[in-house]
PDB file of N, CA and C in Angstrom:
ATOM      1  N   MET A   1      38.806  22.151  -6.802  1.00  0.00           N
ATOM      2  CA  MET A   1      37.558  21.885  -7.508  1.00  0.00           C
ATOM      3  C   MET A   1      37.183  20.406  -7.446  1.00  0.00           C
ATOM      4  N   ILE A   2      38.163  19.528  -7.571  1.00  0.00           N
ATOM      5  CA  ILE A   2      37.891  18.092  -7.538  1.00  0.00           C
ATOM      6  C   ILE A   2      37.377  17.684  -6.162  1.00  0.00           C
ATOM      7  N   GLY A   3      37.932  18.269  -5.120  1.00  0.00           N
ATOM      8  CA  GLY A   3      37.464  17.967  -3.767  1.00  0.00           C
ATOM      9  C   GLY A   3      35.998  18.305  -3.583  1.00  0.00           C
ATOM     10  N   GLY A   4      35.576  19.445  -4.172  1.00  0.00           N
ATOM     11  CA  GLY A   4      34.169  19.847  -4.103  1.00  0.00           C
ATOM     12  C   GLY A   4      33.262  18.893  -4.846  1.00  0.00           C
ATOM     13  N   ILE A   5      33.729  18.375  -5.973  1.00  0.00           N
ATOM     14  CA  ILE A   5      32.928  17.419  -6.755  1.00  0.00           C
ATOM     15  C   ILE A   5      32.781  16.114  -5.984  1.00  0.00           C
ATOM     16  N   VAL A   6      33.869  15.677  -5.355  1.00  0.00           N
ATOM     17  CA  VAL A   6      33.828  14.439  -4.570  1.00  0.00           C
ATOM     18  C   VAL A   6      32.875  14.603  -3.389  1.00  0.00           C
ATOM     19  N   MET A   7      32.926  15.755  -2.731  1.00  0.00           N
ATOM     20  CA  MET A   7      32.013  16.021  -1.609  1.00  0.00           C
ATOM     21  C   MET A   7      30.569  16.032  -2.094  1.00  0.00           C
ATOM     22  N   SER A   8      30.332  16.686  -3.244  1.00  0.00           N
ATOM     23  CA  SER A   8      28.977  16.745  -3.779  1.00  0.00           C
ATOM     24  C   SER A   8      28.474  15.361  -4.141  1.00  0.00           C
ATOM     25  N   GLN A   9      29.359  14.541  -4.729  1.00  0.00           N
ATOM     26  CA  GLN A   9      28.972  13.188  -5.102  1.00  0.00           C
ATOM     27  C   GLN A   9      28.680  12.367  -3.849  1.00  0.00           C
ATOM     28  N   SER A  10      29.493  12.538  -2.818  1.00  0.00           N
ATOM     29  CA  SER A  10      29.286  11.826  -1.567  1.00  0.00           C
ATOM     30  C   SER A  10      27.954  12.237  -0.927  1.00  0.00           C
ATOM     31  N   ASN A  11      27.667  13.530  -0.934  1.00  0.00           N
ATOM     32  CA  ASN A  11      26.394  14.013  -0.383  1.00  0.00           C
ATOM     33  C   ASN A  11      25.218  13.487  -1.191  1.00  0.00           C
ATOM     34  N   LEU A  12      25.380  13.445  -2.509  1.00  0.00           N
ATOM     35  CA  LEU A  12      24.323  12.921  -3.370  1.00  0.00           C
ATOM     36  C   LEU A  12      24.068  11.448  -3.074  1.00  0.00           C
ATOM     37  N   GLU A  13      25.142  10.692  -2.898  1.00  0.00           N
ATOM     38  CA  GLU A  13      24.998   9.268  -2.579  1.00  0.00           C
ATOM     39  C   GLU A  13      24.307   9.070  -1.231  1.00  0.00           C
ATOM     40  N   LYS A  14      24.620   9.913  -0.275  1.00  0.00           N
ATOM     41  CA  LYS A  14      23.958   9.836   1.030  1.00  0.00           C
ATOM     42  C   LYS A  14      22.473  10.147   0.897  1.00  0.00           C
ATOM     43  N   GLN A  15      22.153  11.168   0.112  1.00  0.00           N
ATOM     44  CA  GLN A  15      20.751  11.528  -0.096  1.00  0.00           C
ATOM     45  C   GLN A  15      20.003  10.416  -0.823  1.00  0.00           C
ATOM     46  N   GLU A  16      20.657   9.800  -1.808  1.00  0.00           N
ATOM     47  CA  GLU A  16      20.038   8.679  -2.529  1.00  0.00           C
ATOM     48  C   GLU A  16      19.779   7.503  -1.585  1.00  0.00           C
ATOM     49  N   ALA A  17      20.712   7.238  -0.688  1.00  0.00           N
ATOM     50  CA  ALA A  17      20.540   6.153   0.284  1.00  0.00           C
ATOM     51  C   ALA A  17      19.371   6.455   1.217  1.00  0.00           C
ATOM     52  N   LYS A  18      19.271   7.721   1.659  1.00  0.00           N
ATOM     53  CA  LYS A  18      18.155   8.114   2.517  1.00  0.00           C
ATOM     54  C   LYS A  18      16.829   7.968   1.780  1.00  0.00           C
ATOM     55  N   LEU A  19      16.813   8.380   0.506  1.00  0.00           N
ATOM     56  CA  LEU A  19      15.597   8.277  -0.294  1.00  0.00           C
ATOM     57  C   LEU A  19      15.199   6.819  -0.486  1.00  0.00           C
ATOM     58  N   LYS A  20      16.173   5.969  -0.759  1.00  0.00           N
ATOM     59  CA  LYS A  20      15.898   4.545  -0.929  1.00  0.00           C
ATOM     60  C   LYS A  20      15.320   3.951   0.359  1.00  0.00           C
ATOM     61  N   ALA A  21      15.914   4.319   1.497  1.00  0.00           N
ATOM     62  CA  ALA A  21      15.429   3.824   2.788  1.00  0.00           C
ATOM     63  C   ALA A  21      14.014   4.329   3.066  1.00  0.00           C
ATOM     64  N   LEU A  22      13.744   5.581   2.740  1.00  0.00           N
ATOM     65  CA  LEU A  22      12.415   6.149   2.943  1.00  0.00           C
ATOM     66  C   LEU A  22      11.386   5.469   2.049  1.00  0.00           C
ATOM     67  N   ASN A  23      11.751   5.225   0.793  1.00  0.00           N
ATOM     68  CA  ASN A  23      10.838   4.525  -0.124  1.00  0.00           C
ATOM     69  C   ASN A  23      10.526   3.122   0.372  1.00  0.00           C
ATOM     70  N   GLN A  24      11.526   2.445   0.930  1.00  0.00           N
ATOM     71  CA  GLN A  24      11.302   1.106   1.474  1.00  0.00           C
ATOM     72  C   GLN A  24      10.380   1.171   2.688  1.00  0.00           C
ATOM     73  N   LYS A  25      10.562   2.181   3.527  1.00  0.00           N
ATOM     74  CA  LYS A  25       9.710   2.355   4.704  1.00  0.00           C
ATOM     75  C   LYS A  25       8.265   2.608   4.277  1.00  0.00           C
ATOM     76  N   ILE A  26       8.063   3.412   3.246  1.00  0.00           N
ATOM     77  CA  ILE A  26       6.722   3.683   2.727  1.00  0.00           C
ATOM     78  C   ILE A  26       6.105   2.400   2.189  1.00  0.00           C
ATOM     79  N   LYS A  27       6.892   1.640   1.436  1.00  0.00           N
ATOM     80  CA  LYS A  27       6.401   0.372   0.878  1.00  0.00           C
ATOM     81  C   LYS A  27       6.007  -0.600   1.987  1.00  0.00           C
ATOM     82  N   ASP A  28       6.842  -0.700   3.026  1.00  0.00           N
ATOM     83  CA  ASP A  28       6.549  -1.594   4.154  1.00  0.00           C
ATOM     84  C   ASP A  28       5.271  -1.173   4.876  1.00  0.00           C
ATOM     85  N   GLU A  29       5.120   0.120   5.084  1.00  0.00           N
ATOM     86  CA  GLU A  29       3.924   0.630   5.776  1.00  0.00           C
ATOM     87  C   GLU A  29       2.674   0.379   4.934  1.00  0.00           C
ATOM     88  N   LYS A  30       2.782   0.568   3.635  1.00  0.00           N
ATOM     89  CA  LYS A  30       1.657   0.305   2.728  1.00  0.00           C
ATOM     90  C   LYS A  30       1.248  -1.167   2.812  1.00  0.00           C
ATOM     91  N   ASN A  31       2.233  -2.057   2.829  1.00  0.00           N
ATOM     92  CA  ASN A  31       1.939  -3.488   2.942  1.00  0.00           C
ATOM     93  C   ASN A  31       1.252  -3.821   4.254  1.00  0.00           C
ATOM     94  N   LYS A  32       1.690  -3.200   5.351  1.00  0.00           N
ATOM     95  CA  LYS A  32       1.052  -3.425   6.652  1.00  0.00           C
ATOM     96  C   LYS A  32      -0.411  -2.992   6.612  1.00  0.00           C
ATOM     97  N   ILE A  33      -0.669  -1.837   6.027  1.00  0.00           N
ATOM     98  CA  ILE A  33      -2.044  -1.324   5.947  1.00  0.00           C
ATOM     99  C   ILE A  33      -2.899  -2.261   5.099  1.00  0.00           C
ATOM    100  N   GLU A  34      -2.363  -2.690   3.961  1.00  0.00           N
ATOM    101  CA  GLU A  34      -3.113  -3.595   3.090  1.00  0.00           C
ATOM    102  C   GLU A  34      -3.436  -4.902   3.807  1.00  0.00           C
ATOM    103  N   GLN A  35      -2.480  -5.426   4.571  1.00  0.00           N
ATOM    104  CA  GLN A  35      -2.712  -6.670   5.302  1.00  0.00           C
ATOM    105  C   GLN A  35      -3.763  -6.488   6.387  1.00  0.00           C
ATOM    106  N   ARG A  36      -3.675  -5.380   7.126  1.00  0.00           N
ATOM    107  CA  ARG A  36      -4.663  -5.131   8.188  1.00  0.00           C
ATOM    108  C   ARG A  36      -6.056  -4.935   7.593  1.00  0.00           C
ATOM    109  N   LEU A  37      -6.132  -4.202   6.475  1.00  0.00           N
ATOM    110  CA  LEU A  37      -7.422  -3.970   5.828  1.00  0.00           C
ATOM    111  C   LEU A  37      -8.021  -5.293   5.365  1.00  0.00           C
ATOM    112  N   GLY A  38      -7.200  -6.104   4.701  1.00  0.00           N
ATOM    113  CA  GLY A  38      -7.685  -7.401   4.238  1.00  0.00           C
ATOM    114  C   GLY A  38      -8.141  -8.277   5.390  1.00  0.00           C
ATOM    115  N   LYS A  39      -7.380  -8.281   6.457  1.00  0.00           N
ATOM    116  CA  LYS A  39      -7.727  -9.094   7.630  1.00  0.00           C
ATOM    117  C   LYS A  39      -9.050  -8.632   8.226  1.00  0.00           C
ATOM    118  N   GLN A  40      -9.252  -7.323   8.320  1.00  0.00           N
ATOM    119  CA  GLN A  40     -10.495  -6.793   8.881  1.00  0.00           C
ATOM    120  C   GLN A  40     -11.692  -7.116   7.988  1.00  0.00           C
ATOM    121  N   ILE A  41     -11.508  -7.006   6.684  1.00  0.00           N
ATOM    122  CA  ILE A  41     -12.606  -7.327   5.754  1.00  0.00           C
ATOM    123  C   ILE A  41     -12.986  -8.793   5.901  1.00  0.00           C
ATOM    124  N   ILE A  42     -11.994  -9.658   5.926  1.00  0.00           N
ATOM    125  CA  ILE A  42     -12.257 -11.097   6.065  1.00  0.00           C
ATOM    126  C   ILE A  42     -12.938 -11.379   7.397  1.00  0.00           C
ATOM    127  N   SER A  43     -12.474 -10.738   8.445  1.00  0.00           N
ATOM    128  CA  SER A  43     -13.049 -10.942   9.767  1.00  0.00           C
ATOM    129  C   SER A  43     -14.497 -10.446   9.829  1.00  0.00           C
ATOM    130  N   GLN A  44     -14.736  -9.234   9.340  1.00  0.00           N
ATOM    131  CA  GLN A  44     -16.074  -8.650   9.393  1.00  0.00           C
ATOM    132  C   GLN A  44     -17.076  -9.431   8.536  1.00  0.00           C
ATOM    133  N   ALA A  45     -16.589 -10.033   7.454  1.00  0.00           N
ATOM    134  CA  ALA A  45     -17.471 -10.804   6.576  1.00  0.00           C
ATOM    135  C   ALA A  45     -17.589 -12.261   7.015  1.00  0.00           C
ATOM    136  N   ASN A  46     -16.931 -12.602   8.122  1.00  0.00           N
ATOM    137  CA  ASN A  46     -16.944 -13.979   8.635  1.00  0.00           C
ATOM    138  C   ASN A  46     -16.523 -15.000   7.585  1.00  0.00           C
ATOM    139  N   LEU A  47     -15.465 -14.667   6.855  1.00  0.00           N
ATOM    140  CA  LEU A  47     -14.940 -15.572   5.840  1.00  0.00           C
ATOM    141  C   LEU A  47     -13.887 -16.477   6.453  1.00  0.00           C
ATOM    142  N   ASP A  48     -13.727 -17.642   5.866  1.00  0.00           N
ATOM    143  CA  ASP A  48     -12.737 -18.604   6.335  1.00  0.00           C
ATOM    144  C   ASP A  48     -11.515 -18.523   5.423  1.00  0.00           C
ATOM    145  N   TYR A  49     -10.371 -18.161   5.992  1.00  0.00           N
ATOM    146  CA  TYR A  49      -9.132 -18.045   5.219  1.00  0.00           C
ATOM    147  C   TYR A  49      -8.851 -19.318   4.410  1.00  0.00           C
ATOM    148  N   ALA A  50      -9.076 -20.450   5.016  1.00  0.00           N
ATOM    149  CA  ALA A  50      -8.723 -21.729   4.397  1.00  0.00           C
ATOM    150  C   ALA A  50      -9.518 -22.006   3.129  1.00  0.00           C
ATOM    151  N   ASN A  51     -10.695 -21.406   3.030  1.00  0.00           N
ATOM    152  CA  ASN A  51     -11.561 -21.698   1.893  1.00  0.00           C
ATOM    153  C   ASN A  51     -11.525 -20.623   0.805  1.00  0.00           C
ATOM    154  N   LEU A  52     -10.622 -19.674   0.909  1.00  0.00           N
ATOM    155  CA  LEU A  52     -10.560 -18.601  -0.084  1.00  0.00           C
ATOM    156  C   LEU A  52      -9.517 -18.914  -1.158  1.00  0.00           C
ATOM    157  N   SER A  53      -9.986 -19.072  -2.389  1.00  0.00           N
ATOM    158  CA  SER A  53      -9.060 -19.253  -3.503  1.00  0.00           C
ATOM    159  C   SER A  53      -8.660 -17.875  -4.031  1.00  0.00           C
ATOM    160  N   ASN A  54      -7.655 -17.838  -4.878  1.00  0.00           N
ATOM    161  CA  ASN A  54      -7.242 -16.563  -5.470  1.00  0.00           C
ATOM    162  C   ASN A  54      -8.380 -15.932  -6.270  1.00  0.00           C
ATOM    163  N   ASP A  55      -9.116 -16.749  -6.999  1.00  0.00           N
ATOM    164  CA  ASP A  55     -10.240 -16.217  -7.780  1.00  0.00           C
ATOM    165  C   ASP A  55     -11.316 -15.636  -6.872  1.00  0.00           C
ATOM    166  N   GLN A  56     -11.591 -16.302  -5.759  1.00  0.00           N
ATOM    167  CA  GLN A  56     -12.581 -15.783  -4.812  1.00  0.00           C
ATOM    168  C   GLN A  56     -12.099 -14.482  -4.183  1.00  0.00           C
ATOM    169  N   ILE A  57     -10.824 -14.406  -3.877  1.00  0.00           N
ATOM    170  CA  ILE A  57     -10.263 -13.185  -3.302  1.00  0.00           C
ATOM    171  C   ILE A  57     -10.396 -12.032  -4.287  1.00  0.00           C
ATOM    172  N   LYS A  58     -10.087 -12.288  -5.555  1.00  0.00           N
ATOM    173  CA  LYS A  58     -10.210 -11.250  -6.586  1.00  0.00           C
ATOM    174  C   LYS A  58     -11.661 -10.801  -6.737  1.00  0.00           C
ATOM    175  N   LEU A  59     -12.589 -11.759  -6.731  1.00  0.00           N
ATOM    176  CA  LEU A  59     -14.007 -11.424  -6.861  1.00  0.00           C
ATOM    177  C   LEU A  59     -14.481 -10.607  -5.666  1.00  0.00           C
ATOM    178  N   LEU A  60     -14.098 -11.016  -4.462  1.00  0.00           N
ATOM    179  CA  LEU A  60     -14.479 -10.272  -3.263  1.00  0.00           C
ATOM    180  C   LEU A  60     -13.898  -8.861  -3.283  1.00  0.00           C
ATOM    181  N   ALA A  61     -12.650  -8.732  -3.721  1.00  0.00           N
ATOM    182  CA  ALA A  61     -12.014  -7.412  -3.789  1.00  0.00           C
ATOM    183  C   ALA A  61     -12.758  -6.523  -4.784  1.00  0.00           C
ATOM    184  N   LYS A  62     -13.156  -7.093  -5.899  1.00  0.00           N
ATOM    185  CA  LYS A  62     -13.891  -6.314  -6.903  1.00  0.00           C
ATOM    186  C   LYS A  62     -15.250  -5.887  -6.352  1.00  0.00           C
ATOM    187  N   GLN A  63     -15.949  -6.809  -5.716  1.00  0.00           N
ATOM    188  CA  GLN A  63     -17.254  -6.488  -5.139  1.00  0.00           C
ATOM    189  C   GLN A  63     -17.125  -5.424  -4.061  1.00  0.00           C
ATOM    190  N   PHE A  64     -16.115  -5.548  -3.227  1.00  0.00           N
ATOM    191  CA  PHE A  64     -15.888  -4.577  -2.160  1.00  0.00           C
ATOM    192  C   PHE A  64     -15.599  -3.196  -2.748  1.00  0.00           C
ATOM    193  N   SER A  65     -14.729  -3.145  -3.744  1.00  0.00           N
ATOM    194  CA  SER A  65     -14.368  -1.846  -4.316  1.00  0.00           C
ATOM    195  C   SER A  65     -15.543  -1.201  -5.022  1.00  0.00           C
ATOM    196  N   VAL A  66     -16.356  -1.982  -5.721  1.00  0.00           N
ATOM    197  CA  VAL A  66     -17.543  -1.429  -6.384  1.00  0.00           C
ATOM    198  C   VAL A  66     -18.509  -0.878  -5.339  1.00  0.00           C
ATOM    199  N   SER A  67     -18.725  -1.636  -4.278  1.00  0.00           N
ATOM    200  CA  SER A  67     -19.616  -1.192  -3.208  1.00  0.00           C
ATOM    201  C   SER A  67     -19.095   0.075  -2.547  1.00  0.00           C
ATOM    202  N   LEU A  68     -17.814   0.093  -2.275  1.00  0.00           N
ATOM    203  CA  LEU A  68     -17.194   1.257  -1.642  1.00  0.00           C
ATOM    204  C   LEU A  68     -17.301   2.484  -2.537  1.00  0.00           C
ATOM    205  N   LEU A  69     -17.020   2.311  -3.820  1.00  0.00           N
ATOM    206  CA  LEU A  69     -17.114   3.437  -4.762  1.00  0.00           C
ATOM    207  C   LEU A  69     -18.551   3.943  -4.891  1.00  0.00           C
ATOM    208  N   ASN A  70     -19.505   3.022  -4.871  1.00  0.00           N
ATOM    209  CA  ASN A  70     -20.916   3.432  -4.917  1.00  0.00           C
ATOM    210  C   ASN A  70     -21.291   4.236  -3.680  1.00  0.00           C
ATOM    211  N   ASP A  71     -20.834   3.795  -2.508  1.00  0.00           N
ATOM    212  CA  ASP A  71     -21.105   4.515  -1.268  1.00  0.00           C
ATOM    213  C   ASP A  71     -20.478   5.896  -1.288  1.00  0.00           C
ATOM    214  N   ILE A  72     -19.262   5.984  -1.770  1.00  0.00           N
ATOM    215  CA  ILE A  72     -18.575   7.273  -1.848  1.00  0.00           C
ATOM    216  C   ILE A  72     -19.293   8.197  -2.818  1.00  0.00           C
ATOM    217  N   SER A  73     -19.725   7.650  -3.931  1.00  0.00           N
ATOM    218  CA  SER A  73     -20.445   8.438  -4.928  1.00  0.00           C
ATOM    219  C   SER A  73     -21.751   8.993  -4.356  1.00  0.00           C
ATOM    220  N   LYS A  74     -22.459   8.180  -3.587  1.00  0.00           N
ATOM    221  CA  LYS A  74     -23.696   8.614  -2.960  1.00  0.00           C
ATOM    222  C   LYS A  74     -23.431   9.736  -1.956  1.00  0.00           C
ATOM    223  N   GLU A  75     -22.337   9.611  -1.198  1.00  0.00           N
ATOM    224  CA  GLU A  75     -21.983  10.635  -0.222  1.00  0.00           C
ATOM    225  C   GLU A  75     -21.643  11.955  -0.893  1.00  0.00           C
ATOM    226  N   ILE A  76     -20.970  11.885  -2.005  1.00  0.00           N
ATOM    227  CA  ILE A  76     -20.574  13.112  -2.725  1.00  0.00           C
ATOM    228  C   ILE A  76     -21.798  13.842  -3.257  1.00  0.00           C
ATOM    229  N   LYS A  77     -22.801  13.091  -3.682  1.00  0.00           N
ATOM    230  CA  LYS A  77     -24.012  13.689  -4.255  1.00  0.00           C
ATOM    231  C   LYS A  77     -24.876  14.356  -3.216  1.00  0.00           C
ATOM    232  N   ARG A  78     -24.663  14.047  -1.956  1.00  0.00           N
ATOM    233  CA  ARG A  78     -25.486  14.622  -0.886  1.00  0.00           C
ATOM    234  C   ARG A  78     -25.199  16.050  -0.669  1.00  0.00           C
TER     235      ARG A  78
END
């Protein structure tokens, strides 16, 4: 019986390690997407990275999200 518990614990630890690795992979991929999206927005808006403060970035993000949500809302109503 003890051997079975040790095997089960070992399998559980392996599964936890796989889950942790998968969660990290998801987090890394999410960060890549966020960076690419931000880069494209800055590029399309012809903004200068050097002149963007944190407050300006927050304001632009808010304006972008409001605009995007308004566009989505209009599409849904169609």
